[in-house]
Amino acid sequence: MKLWLKWMILGVLSLVFGGFVLAHPVAASIAVTTLAGILFMVSGGFQAFVALDEHTTRGKVLSLALAVLLMLLGGSLAFNPLQGMISLALVVTILFAANGLMRLVLSWQMRETPFFWPMLISGAFSVLLAGFIAANFFEVAPQLLGILLGIELLFNGVGLIVLALFIRRHGEAILTKLKNKTGG
């Protein structure tokens, strides 16, 4: 199978799954929360394993404390996904607000450049989005993670399809150029 076709299939699958996730955002939010919990627990297990190899008592204690925290956080998310989903939605809302405020401050520092308006507008949109989520938190929170995942999958799918078309059209020329540069 040609390389471009593999990327095209992956892009189409990403679009399909993105549409599925957007059609079922609450279920996707629960799945994301549960998966995050499992990954935190696995990470905690690895951290505990690393702690055994620490040479100082302080390093061992800190590594084990981090391992316990990761496992507790992971267990909380994995075994209480509805509560974890609300917590993660709150964190995402805070991150949107902080990121937007940071861009607003940066835009003010760029006011003499052509980048002022794009930075100002993007910062304002992030702050407004965070405000909208906060104002409607209990209606939006159960769906938020699923909606964000669905949007990411759609954008990822479009990007992969564009990459596939680019490789299909220009792939041979790029490979030839690379071979000539490396002498291969």
N, C-alpha and C. Protein backbone atom coordinates (compact mmCIF):
# COMPACT_ATOMS: atom_id res chain seq x y z
N MET A 1 0.85 -1.16 0.00
CA MET A 1 0.00 0.00 0.00
C MET A 1 0.91 1.24 0.00
N LYS A 2 0.52 2.22 -0.79
CA LYS A 2 1.32 3.43 -0.90
C LYS A 2 1.21 4.27 0.37
N LEU A 3 2.29 5.02 0.63
CA LEU A 3 2.36 5.82 1.84
C LEU A 3 1.22 6.84 1.92
N TRP A 4 0.93 7.51 0.82
CA TRP A 4 -0.12 8.54 0.85
C TRP A 4 -1.47 7.93 1.19
N LEU A 5 -1.70 6.70 0.71
CA LEU A 5 -2.98 6.05 0.97
C LEU A 5 -3.13 5.69 2.44
N LYS A 6 -2.03 5.31 3.09
CA LYS A 6 -2.08 5.03 4.53
C LYS A 6 -2.48 6.29 5.31
N TRP A 7 -1.87 7.42 4.95
CA TRP A 7 -2.21 8.68 5.62
C TRP A 7 -3.66 9.07 5.33
N MET A 8 -4.11 8.82 4.11
CA MET A 8 -5.49 9.14 3.74
C MET A 8 -6.48 8.31 4.57
N ILE A 9 -6.22 7.02 4.70
CA ILE A 9 -7.09 6.15 5.50
C ILE A 9 -7.13 6.61 6.95
N LEU A 10 -5.95 6.94 7.48
CA LEU A 10 -5.88 7.42 8.86
C LEU A 10 -6.66 8.73 9.03
N GLY A 11 -6.56 9.62 8.05
CA GLY A 11 -7.30 10.87 8.10
C GLY A 11 -8.80 10.66 8.05
N VAL A 12 -9.25 9.78 7.18
CA VAL A 12 -10.68 9.50 7.07
C VAL A 12 -11.19 8.86 8.37
N LEU A 13 -10.41 7.94 8.93
CA LEU A 13 -10.81 7.33 10.21
C LEU A 13 -10.90 8.38 11.31
N SER A 14 -9.96 9.30 11.33
CA SER A 14 -10.00 10.37 12.33
C SER A 14 -11.25 11.22 12.16
N LEU A 15 -11.63 11.53 10.91
CA LEU A 15 -12.86 12.28 10.67
C LEU A 15 -14.09 11.50 11.14
N VAL A 16 -14.13 10.22 10.84
CA VAL A 16 -15.27 9.39 11.23
C VAL A 16 -15.39 9.33 12.75
N PHE A 17 -14.25 9.06 13.43
CA PHE A 17 -14.29 9.00 14.89
C PHE A 17 -14.60 10.36 15.49
N GLY A 18 -14.11 11.44 14.88
CA GLY A 18 -14.44 12.78 15.35
C GLY A 18 -15.94 13.03 15.28
N GLY A 19 -16.56 12.62 14.17
CA GLY A 19 -18.01 12.76 14.05
C GLY A 19 -18.76 11.93 15.07
N PHE A 20 -18.27 10.71 15.31
CA PHE A 20 -18.89 9.83 16.31
C PHE A 20 -18.78 10.45 17.70
N VAL A 21 -17.60 10.97 18.02
CA VAL A 21 -17.39 11.58 19.34
C VAL A 21 -18.29 12.80 19.51
N LEU A 22 -18.40 13.64 18.48
CA LEU A 22 -19.26 14.81 18.58
C LEU A 22 -20.74 14.43 18.69
N ALA A 23 -21.10 13.28 18.16
CA ALA A 23 -22.48 12.82 18.27
C ALA A 23 -22.77 12.26 19.67
N HIS A 24 -21.72 11.87 20.41
CA HIS A 24 -21.86 11.28 21.75
C HIS A 24 -20.85 11.92 22.71
N PRO A 25 -20.94 13.24 22.94
CA PRO A 25 -19.89 13.91 23.71
C PRO A 25 -19.80 13.51 25.18
N VAL A 26 -20.93 13.16 25.80
CA VAL A 26 -20.89 12.78 27.22
C VAL A 26 -20.18 11.44 27.38
N ALA A 27 -20.54 10.49 26.52
CA ALA A 27 -19.87 9.17 26.57
C ALA A 27 -18.38 9.33 26.29
N ALA A 28 -18.03 10.19 25.35
CA ALA A 28 -16.62 10.42 25.04
C ALA A 28 -15.91 11.08 26.22
N SER A 29 -16.59 11.99 26.91
CA SER A 29 -15.99 12.64 28.09
C SER A 29 -15.71 11.62 29.18
N ILE A 30 -16.64 10.71 29.38
CA ILE A 30 -16.45 9.65 30.39
C ILE A 30 -15.28 8.76 29.97
N ALA A 31 -15.21 8.42 28.69
CA ALA A 31 -14.11 7.58 28.20
C ALA A 31 -12.77 8.29 28.36
N VAL A 32 -12.71 9.57 28.04
CA VAL A 32 -11.47 10.34 28.19
C VAL A 32 -11.05 10.38 29.65
N THR A 33 -11.99 10.63 30.53
CA THR A 33 -11.69 10.70 31.96
C THR A 33 -11.19 9.37 32.48
N THR A 34 -11.84 8.29 32.10
CA THR A 34 -11.43 6.95 32.54
C THR A 34 -10.04 6.62 32.00
N LEU A 35 -9.80 6.92 30.73
CA LEU A 35 -8.49 6.65 30.15
C LEU A 35 -7.41 7.49 30.83
N ALA A 36 -7.70 8.74 31.11
CA ALA A 36 -6.73 9.60 31.82
C ALA A 36 -6.43 8.99 33.19
N GLY A 37 -7.44 8.50 33.87
CA GLY A 37 -7.23 7.86 35.17
C GLY A 37 -6.34 6.64 35.07
N ILE A 38 -6.59 5.81 34.09
CA ILE A 38 -5.78 4.61 33.90
C ILE A 38 -4.33 4.99 33.60
N LEU A 39 -4.15 5.99 32.75
CA LEU A 39 -2.79 6.43 32.42
C LEU A 39 -2.07 7.03 33.62
N PHE A 40 -2.79 7.77 34.47
CA PHE A 40 -2.18 8.29 35.70
C PHE A 40 -1.76 7.14 36.62
N MET A 41 -2.60 6.11 36.72
CA MET A 41 -2.24 4.97 37.58
C MET A 41 -1.01 4.24 37.04
N VAL A 42 -0.97 4.04 35.73
CA VAL A 42 0.21 3.40 35.12
C VAL A 42 1.45 4.25 35.35
N SER A 43 1.30 5.55 35.17
CA SER A 43 2.41 6.47 35.41
C SER A 43 2.87 6.39 36.86
N GLY A 44 1.94 6.30 37.78
CA GLY A 44 2.28 6.15 39.19
C GLY A 44 3.02 4.86 39.45
N GLY A 45 2.62 3.80 38.78
CA GLY A 45 3.33 2.52 38.91
C GLY A 45 4.77 2.62 38.43
N PHE A 46 4.97 3.28 37.29
CA PHE A 46 6.33 3.48 36.80
C PHE A 46 7.13 4.36 37.75
N GLN A 47 6.48 5.38 38.31
CA GLN A 47 7.17 6.26 39.25
C GLN A 47 7.59 5.49 40.49
N ALA A 48 6.76 4.58 40.97
CA ALA A 48 7.11 3.75 42.12
C ALA A 48 8.30 2.86 41.77
N PHE A 49 8.31 2.31 40.57
CA PHE A 49 9.42 1.48 40.12
C PHE A 49 10.71 2.29 40.08
N VAL A 50 10.63 3.53 39.59
CA VAL A 50 11.79 4.42 39.52
C VAL A 50 12.27 4.75 40.94
N ALA A 51 11.34 4.89 41.87
CA ALA A 51 11.71 5.23 43.25
C ALA A 51 12.61 4.18 43.86
N LEU A 52 12.44 2.93 43.47
CA LEU A 52 13.27 1.86 44.00
C LEU A 52 14.74 2.02 43.61
N ASP A 53 14.98 2.72 42.53
CA ASP A 53 16.34 2.91 42.03
C ASP A 53 16.99 4.20 42.54
N GLU A 54 16.24 5.00 43.32
CA GLU A 54 16.78 6.24 43.86
C GLU A 54 17.87 5.91 44.88
N HIS A 55 18.92 6.73 44.89
CA HIS A 55 20.06 6.46 45.77
C HIS A 55 19.97 7.18 47.11
N THR A 56 19.22 8.29 47.15
CA THR A 56 19.12 9.04 48.41
C THR A 56 17.76 8.78 49.05
N THR A 57 17.72 8.89 50.34
CA THR A 57 16.46 8.69 51.07
C THR A 57 15.45 9.76 50.66
N ARG A 58 15.92 10.99 50.54
CA ARG A 58 15.02 12.09 50.14
C ARG A 58 14.44 11.83 48.76
N GLY A 59 15.29 11.41 47.81
CA GLY A 59 14.82 11.11 46.46
C GLY A 59 13.81 9.98 46.45
N LYS A 60 14.07 8.95 47.27
CA LYS A 60 13.15 7.82 47.36
C LYS A 60 11.79 8.25 47.90
N VAL A 61 11.82 9.06 48.96
CA VAL A 61 10.57 9.52 49.58
C VAL A 61 9.78 10.39 48.60
N LEU A 62 10.46 11.33 47.94
CA LEU A 62 9.77 12.21 46.98
C LEU A 62 9.21 11.41 45.80
N SER A 63 9.97 10.47 45.30
CA SER A 63 9.49 9.65 44.18
C SER A 63 8.30 8.79 44.58
N LEU A 64 8.37 8.22 45.77
CA LEU A 64 7.24 7.40 46.24
C LEU A 64 6.01 8.26 46.51
N ALA A 65 6.23 9.47 47.05
CA ALA A 65 5.10 10.38 47.30
C ALA A 65 4.43 10.75 45.97
N LEU A 66 5.24 11.03 44.95
CA LEU A 66 4.68 11.34 43.63
C LEU A 66 3.94 10.14 43.06
N ALA A 67 4.50 8.95 43.26
CA ALA A 67 3.84 7.74 42.78
C ALA A 67 2.48 7.55 43.44
N VAL A 68 2.43 7.77 44.75
CA VAL A 68 1.16 7.62 45.47
C VAL A 68 0.15 8.66 44.98
N LEU A 69 0.59 9.91 44.80
CA LEU A 69 -0.31 10.95 44.31
C LEU A 69 -0.85 10.62 42.92
N LEU A 70 0.03 10.17 42.04
CA LEU A 70 -0.41 9.80 40.69
C LEU A 70 -1.42 8.66 40.72
N MET A 71 -1.15 7.67 41.57
CA MET A 71 -2.08 6.54 41.65
C MET A 71 -3.42 6.95 42.26
N LEU A 72 -3.39 7.81 43.28
CA LEU A 72 -4.65 8.28 43.87
C LEU A 72 -5.45 9.11 42.87
N LEU A 73 -4.77 10.02 42.17
CA LEU A 73 -5.44 10.82 41.15
C LEU A 73 -6.02 9.92 40.06
N GLY A 74 -5.21 8.98 39.61
CA GLY A 74 -5.67 8.05 38.57
C GLY A 74 -6.84 7.21 39.02
N GLY A 75 -6.77 6.71 40.25
CA GLY A 75 -7.88 5.92 40.78
C GLY A 75 -9.14 6.74 40.90
N SER A 76 -8.98 7.97 41.35
CA SER A 76 -10.14 8.86 41.47
C SER A 76 -10.80 9.09 40.12
N LEU A 77 -9.99 9.35 39.10
CA LEU A 77 -10.55 9.59 37.76
C LEU A 77 -11.15 8.31 37.16
N ALA A 78 -10.44 7.19 37.32
CA ALA A 78 -10.89 5.94 36.69
C ALA A 78 -12.13 5.36 37.36
N PHE A 79 -12.20 5.47 38.68
CA PHE A 79 -13.31 4.84 39.39
C PHE A 79 -14.47 5.78 39.68
N ASN A 80 -14.26 7.08 39.49
CA ASN A 80 -15.33 8.08 39.62
C ASN A 80 -15.31 8.98 38.40
N PRO A 81 -15.56 8.43 37.21
CA PRO A 81 -15.37 9.24 36.00
C PRO A 81 -16.31 10.44 35.90
N LEU A 82 -17.49 10.37 36.48
CA LEU A 82 -18.40 11.52 36.40
C LEU A 82 -17.86 12.70 37.20
N GLN A 83 -17.39 12.43 38.42
CA GLN A 83 -16.79 13.50 39.21
C GLN A 83 -15.49 13.97 38.58
N GLY A 84 -14.70 13.02 38.08
CA GLY A 84 -13.44 13.38 37.42
C GLY A 84 -13.67 14.22 36.18
N MET A 85 -14.73 13.92 35.46
CA MET A 85 -15.07 14.67 34.26
C MET A 85 -15.35 16.14 34.61
N ILE A 86 -16.06 16.36 35.69
CA ILE A 86 -16.35 17.73 36.14
C ILE A 86 -15.04 18.42 36.55
N SER A 87 -14.18 17.72 37.27
CA SER A 87 -12.89 18.30 37.69
C SER A 87 -12.04 18.65 36.49
N LEU A 88 -11.96 17.75 35.52
CA LEU A 88 -11.15 18.03 34.33
C LEU A 88 -11.75 19.18 33.51
N ALA A 89 -13.06 19.25 33.45
CA ALA A 89 -13.70 20.36 32.74
C ALA A 89 -13.38 21.69 33.42
N LEU A 90 -13.33 21.69 34.74
CA LEU A 90 -12.97 22.90 35.47
C LEU A 90 -11.52 23.30 35.18
N VAL A 91 -10.64 22.32 35.15
CA VAL A 91 -9.23 22.59 34.82
C VAL A 91 -9.11 23.16 33.41
N VAL A 92 -9.83 22.58 32.46
CA VAL A 92 -9.79 23.07 31.08
C VAL A 92 -10.30 24.51 31.01
N THR A 93 -11.36 24.80 31.73
CA THR A 93 -11.92 26.16 31.75
C THR A 93 -10.90 27.15 32.31
N ILE A 94 -10.25 26.77 33.39
CA ILE A 94 -9.22 27.64 33.98
C ILE A 94 -8.07 27.84 33.00
N LEU A 95 -7.67 26.78 32.30
CA LEU A 95 -6.59 26.91 31.32
C LEU A 95 -6.99 27.81 30.15
N PHE A 96 -8.23 27.70 29.69
CA PHE A 96 -8.70 28.61 28.62
C PHE A 96 -8.60 30.06 29.09
N ALA A 97 -9.06 30.33 30.31
CA ALA A 97 -9.04 31.70 30.83
C ALA A 97 -7.61 32.20 31.00
N ALA A 98 -6.74 31.38 31.57
CA ALA A 98 -5.35 31.80 31.80
C ALA A 98 -4.63 32.03 30.48
N ASN A 99 -4.84 31.14 29.53
CA ASN A 99 -4.21 31.27 28.22
C ASN A 99 -4.71 32.53 27.51
N GLY A 100 -6.00 32.78 27.59
CA GLY A 100 -6.57 33.97 26.97
C GLY A 100 -6.04 35.24 27.60
N LEU A 101 -5.97 35.27 28.92
CA LEU A 101 -5.44 36.45 29.61
C LEU A 101 -3.97 36.68 29.24
N MET A 102 -3.22 35.61 29.14
CA MET A 102 -1.81 35.73 28.75
C MET A 102 -1.68 36.33 27.35
N ARG A 103 -2.53 35.87 26.43
CA ARG A 103 -2.49 36.42 25.07
C ARG A 103 -2.94 37.88 25.03
N LEU A 104 -3.88 38.25 25.88
CA LEU A 104 -4.29 39.65 25.95
C LEU A 104 -3.13 40.53 26.44
N VAL A 105 -2.43 40.08 27.45
CA VAL A 105 -1.28 40.83 27.94
C VAL A 105 -0.20 40.92 26.86
N LEU A 106 0.08 39.80 26.20
CA LEU A 106 1.08 39.79 25.13
C LEU A 106 0.66 40.70 23.98
N SER A 107 -0.62 40.70 23.67
CA SER A 107 -1.08 41.55 22.56
C SER A 107 -0.82 43.02 22.86
N TRP A 108 -1.02 43.39 24.11
CA TRP A 108 -0.79 44.78 24.49
C TRP A 108 0.67 45.16 24.28
N GLN A 109 1.56 44.21 24.51
CA GLN A 109 2.98 44.46 24.29
C GLN A 109 3.33 44.48 22.80
N MET A 110 2.45 43.96 21.97
CA MET A 110 2.67 43.91 20.52
C MET A 110 1.89 44.99 19.78
N ARG A 111 1.38 45.97 20.49
CA ARG A 111 0.44 46.92 19.87
C ARG A 111 1.03 47.71 18.71
N GLU A 112 2.33 47.81 18.60
CA GLU A 112 2.95 48.53 17.49
C GLU A 112 3.30 47.61 16.32
N THR A 113 2.90 46.35 16.40
CA THR A 113 3.23 45.38 15.35
C THR A 113 1.95 44.92 14.65
N PRO A 114 2.12 44.27 13.50
CA PRO A 114 0.93 43.73 12.81
C PRO A 114 0.31 42.52 13.53
N PHE A 115 0.97 42.03 14.59
CA PHE A 115 0.47 40.86 15.31
C PHE A 115 -0.47 41.23 16.45
N PHE A 116 -0.65 42.52 16.67
CA PHE A 116 -1.48 42.99 17.79
C PHE A 116 -2.92 42.46 17.68
N TRP A 117 -3.58 42.73 16.56
CA TRP A 117 -5.00 42.37 16.44
C TRP A 117 -5.25 40.86 16.48
N PRO A 118 -4.46 40.05 15.73
CA PRO A 118 -4.71 38.60 15.85
C PRO A 118 -4.53 38.08 17.28
N MET A 119 -3.49 38.57 17.96
CA MET A 119 -3.24 38.13 19.33
C MET A 119 -4.36 38.61 20.27
N LEU A 120 -4.79 39.85 20.09
CA LEU A 120 -5.86 40.41 20.91
C LEU A 120 -7.16 39.64 20.71
N ILE A 121 -7.50 39.38 19.47
CA ILE A 121 -8.75 38.69 19.15
C ILE A 121 -8.72 37.25 19.68
N SER A 122 -7.60 36.55 19.47
CA SER A 122 -7.54 35.16 19.94
C SER A 122 -7.60 35.10 21.46
N GLY A 123 -6.94 36.05 22.13
CA GLY A 123 -7.00 36.09 23.59
C GLY A 123 -8.40 36.39 24.09
N ALA A 124 -9.06 37.34 23.42
CA ALA A 124 -10.42 37.70 23.81
C ALA A 124 -11.37 36.51 23.62
N PHE A 125 -11.21 35.79 22.52
CA PHE A 125 -12.07 34.62 22.29
C PHE A 125 -11.87 33.55 23.37
N SER A 126 -10.61 33.32 23.77
CA SER A 126 -10.36 32.33 24.82
C SER A 126 -10.98 32.75 26.14
N VAL A 127 -10.87 34.02 26.49
CA VAL A 127 -11.46 34.52 27.73
C VAL A 127 -12.98 34.43 27.65
N LEU A 128 -13.56 34.81 26.52
CA LEU A 128 -15.01 34.71 26.36
C LEU A 128 -15.49 33.26 26.41
N LEU A 129 -14.73 32.35 25.79
CA LEU A 129 -15.08 30.94 25.85
C LEU A 129 -15.04 30.43 27.28
N ALA A 130 -14.01 30.79 28.02
CA ALA A 130 -13.93 30.40 29.43
C ALA A 130 -15.10 30.98 30.21
N GLY A 131 -15.45 32.23 29.93
CA GLY A 131 -16.60 32.85 30.60
C GLY A 131 -17.90 32.15 30.27
N PHE A 132 -18.07 31.77 28.99
CA PHE A 132 -19.28 31.05 28.59
C PHE A 132 -19.36 29.70 29.30
N ILE A 133 -18.23 28.99 29.34
CA ILE A 133 -18.22 27.68 30.01
C ILE A 133 -18.53 27.86 31.49
N ALA A 134 -17.91 28.86 32.13
CA ALA A 134 -18.13 29.09 33.56
C ALA A 134 -19.59 29.47 33.84
N ALA A 135 -20.17 30.29 32.99
CA ALA A 135 -21.55 30.73 33.20
C ALA A 135 -22.55 29.58 33.01
N ASN A 136 -22.19 28.62 32.20
CA ASN A 136 -23.08 27.49 31.91
C ASN A 136 -22.42 26.17 32.33
N PHE A 137 -21.63 26.21 33.38
CA PHE A 137 -20.73 25.10 33.69
C PHE A 137 -21.43 23.77 33.82
N PHE A 138 -22.52 23.70 34.56
CA PHE A 138 -23.13 22.40 34.81
C PHE A 138 -23.88 21.85 33.60
N GLU A 139 -24.20 22.71 32.64
CA GLU A 139 -24.79 22.22 31.40
C GLU A 139 -23.70 21.79 30.42
N VAL A 140 -22.57 22.50 30.43
CA VAL A 140 -21.50 22.29 29.45
C VAL A 140 -20.48 21.25 29.90
N ALA A 141 -20.18 21.21 31.20
CA ALA A 141 -19.09 20.39 31.72
C ALA A 141 -19.16 18.91 31.31
N PRO A 142 -20.32 18.26 31.38
CA PRO A 142 -20.34 16.84 31.02
C PRO A 142 -19.97 16.57 29.55
N GLN A 143 -20.14 17.57 28.70
CA GLN A 143 -19.89 17.39 27.28
C GLN A 143 -18.56 17.98 26.83
N LEU A 144 -17.95 18.82 27.66
CA LEU A 144 -16.81 19.63 27.22
C LEU A 144 -15.65 18.80 26.71
N LEU A 145 -15.20 17.81 27.48
CA LEU A 145 -14.05 17.01 27.06
C LEU A 145 -14.34 16.26 25.77
N GLY A 146 -15.55 15.73 25.64
CA GLY A 146 -15.93 15.03 24.42
C GLY A 146 -15.97 15.95 23.22
N ILE A 147 -16.49 17.16 23.40
CA ILE A 147 -16.54 18.12 22.30
C ILE A 147 -15.12 18.50 21.87
N LEU A 148 -14.26 18.78 22.85
CA LEU A 148 -12.88 19.14 22.51
C LEU A 148 -12.17 17.99 21.80
N LEU A 149 -12.38 16.75 22.26
CA LEU A 149 -11.78 15.59 21.60
C LEU A 149 -12.32 15.45 20.18
N GLY A 150 -13.63 15.60 20.01
CA GLY A 150 -14.22 15.49 18.67
C GLY A 150 -13.68 16.53 17.71
N ILE A 151 -13.56 17.77 18.18
CA ILE A 151 -13.01 18.84 17.33
C ILE A 151 -11.57 18.52 16.97
N GLU A 152 -10.78 18.06 17.95
CA GLU A 152 -9.38 17.71 17.68
C GLU A 152 -9.29 16.58 16.65
N LEU A 153 -10.14 15.58 16.77
CA LEU A 153 -10.13 14.49 15.80
C LEU A 153 -10.50 14.98 14.40
N LEU A 154 -11.47 15.89 14.30
CA LEU A 154 -11.84 16.44 13.00
C LEU A 154 -10.68 17.22 12.37
N PHE A 155 -10.06 18.11 13.16
CA PHE A 155 -8.92 18.88 12.64
C PHE A 155 -7.76 17.95 12.28
N ASN A 156 -7.52 16.94 13.10
CA ASN A 156 -6.47 15.97 12.83
C ASN A 156 -6.77 15.24 11.52
N GLY A 157 -8.01 14.85 11.32
CA GLY A 157 -8.38 14.15 10.10
C GLY A 157 -8.17 15.00 8.86
N VAL A 158 -8.57 16.26 8.93
CA VAL A 158 -8.37 17.18 7.80
C VAL A 158 -6.88 17.33 7.53
N GLY A 159 -6.09 17.51 8.60
CA GLY A 159 -4.64 17.66 8.43
C GLY A 159 -4.00 16.43 7.80
N LEU A 160 -4.43 15.25 8.21
CA LEU A 160 -3.87 14.02 7.66
C LEU A 160 -4.27 13.83 6.19
N ILE A 161 -5.49 14.21 5.85
CA ILE A 161 -5.92 14.10 4.46
C ILE A 161 -5.13 15.06 3.59
N VAL A 162 -4.91 16.28 4.07
CA VAL A 162 -4.09 17.25 3.32
C VAL A 162 -2.67 16.72 3.16
N LEU A 163 -2.12 16.13 4.23
CA LEU A 163 -0.79 15.54 4.16
C LEU A 163 -0.75 14.42 3.12
N ALA A 164 -1.77 13.58 3.12
CA ALA A 164 -1.83 12.48 2.15
C ALA A 164 -1.85 13.00 0.72
N LEU A 165 -2.66 14.02 0.48
CA LEU A 165 -2.72 14.60 -0.87
C LEU A 165 -1.40 15.25 -1.26
N PHE A 166 -0.75 15.89 -0.29
CA PHE A 166 0.55 16.50 -0.55
C PHE A 166 1.58 15.43 -0.91
N ILE A 167 1.61 14.35 -0.12
CA ILE A 167 2.56 13.26 -0.40
C ILE A 167 2.26 12.63 -1.75
N ARG A 168 0.99 12.47 -2.06
CA ARG A 168 0.61 11.87 -3.34
C ARG A 168 1.13 12.73 -4.50
N ARG A 169 1.02 14.04 -4.33
CA ARG A 169 1.40 14.93 -5.42
C ARG A 169 2.90 15.21 -5.47
N HIS A 170 3.52 15.40 -4.30
CA HIS A 170 4.91 15.84 -4.26
C HIS A 170 5.85 14.82 -3.62
N GLY A 171 5.36 13.67 -3.25
CA GLY A 171 6.17 12.69 -2.53
C GLY A 171 7.42 12.26 -3.26
N GLU A 172 7.30 11.93 -4.53
CA GLU A 172 8.46 11.48 -5.29
C GLU A 172 9.52 12.57 -5.39
N ALA A 173 9.12 13.80 -5.61
CA ALA A 173 10.07 14.90 -5.72
C ALA A 173 10.80 15.11 -4.40
N ILE A 174 10.09 14.99 -3.27
CA ILE A 174 10.71 15.17 -1.97
C ILE A 174 11.69 14.04 -1.70
N LEU A 175 11.30 12.81 -1.99
CA LEU A 175 12.20 11.67 -1.78
C LEU A 175 13.45 11.79 -2.65
N THR A 176 13.29 12.22 -3.89
CA THR A 176 14.44 12.40 -4.78
C THR A 176 15.37 13.47 -4.23
N LYS A 177 14.79 14.56 -3.76
CA LYS A 177 15.58 15.65 -3.18
C LYS A 177 16.34 15.17 -1.96
N LEU A 178 15.69 14.39 -1.10
CA LEU A 178 16.35 13.87 0.09
C LEU A 178 17.47 12.91 -0.28
N LYS A 179 17.24 12.05 -1.26
CA LYS A 179 18.29 11.12 -1.69
C LYS A 179 19.49 11.87 -2.24
N ASN A 180 19.24 12.91 -2.99
CA ASN A 180 20.35 13.70 -3.56
C ASN A 180 21.15 14.41 -2.47
N LYS A 181 20.47 14.89 -1.43
CA LYS A 181 21.16 15.58 -0.33
C LYS A 181 22.01 14.62 0.48
N THR A 182 21.50 13.41 0.72
CA THR A 182 22.22 12.46 1.55
C THR A 182 23.20 11.60 0.75
N GLY A 183 23.14 11.71 -0.54
CA GLY A 183 24.05 10.92 -1.38
C GLY A 183 23.60 9.48 -1.55
N GLY A 184 22.35 9.20 -1.23
CA GLY A 184 21.86 7.82 -1.28
C GLY A 184 21.10 7.61 -2.49
